[in-house]
Amino acid sequence: MFPFLISYKIQEKEDPVWQLALLLKKICEYVFAPTISEEMAVQLKQMILIYLEQRAKLFQKPLQPKHHYLRHYPDLIVIFGPLIRLWTMRFESRHVFFKQAAKAANNFKNITKTLVNKYVLNFAFKFTGLMVPSPITFKDKDASGLPEDLNPEVENILRNNVSFRSILKRVEVHGITYEPGMWLLLQKRGQNFQYGEIVLILFNGFQVKYIVKEHEAEDSLEGYYRILDEEGFSSVLQDDLVDYYPLSSYLHEGYQCLSIKHASLL
């Protein structure tokens, strides 16, 4: 959301502080990438050095310890792999359960025992079903029939995928939600990307396939991509996705736009 909230307020696009903020966003995309190559690690190292140098010049203040740690990220990525896999922030969500349980109890006498009991009961409840849940989950109400007035290209794709009998309004794959209207990365074209807007979600009992409306996404050089004209329809299996993370589009300056969450290997 950062570029959409700020970019229209920037009068001078070459403003050094604005360019520094965009560079920091680019660095974050590399740091949070779920997969990263050695070449990308080298690029990340160069971007971090430029960022730290420019920051020191612009603000005339000593760098903080966190900036020193940032400089080591590329080397750590080469040793340990993507740092997002070692991120501990996700474990912080465990605190939410205990805070809510303590608030609901409204009694702080021997609160540690109360929280332990509630946690164990909650843990047991979650595992009354399958110990390891299915990677693909959806609710019965999310299964639907074919919509009317389908595009001929979409009908042709459906005829070529007769084994995919179920159409879903919403599906979760490995905990990530996919819905029609979300955008999937398909391929790279020079400095631009090709994205597909999900039109239909197909399911054959063990695989998920998406019918997508293809669009080229043009780099705005302001931290987001503008979606250009429609190019046609295609289908892609979940297992063949270049990037598993779906994006939402935002209307910005008359265009549908996308802001990527992390860099990809393309």
Foldseek 3Di string as FASTA:
>chain_A
DVLQVPVVVDPDCVPLVLLLVLLVQQLQQALQDQADDLVSLVVSLVSLVVSVVSVCVPPVDDDDVVSVVSNCSSVVCVVPNRCNVVDCPVVVVVVVLLVVQCVVVVDDDPSVVSSVVVVVVVVVVVVPDPPDDDQKDDDPVQWDDDDPPDDPQVVVVCVVVVLQHTWGQWMGGNRAIDHAQWKAWDAADVPKTKIWGFDIWTDNPRWIKTKTFIWIWDDPSSQKTFTDDTDGIDMDTCVRGQDNHIWHWDQHPNTTMTHDSHDGPD
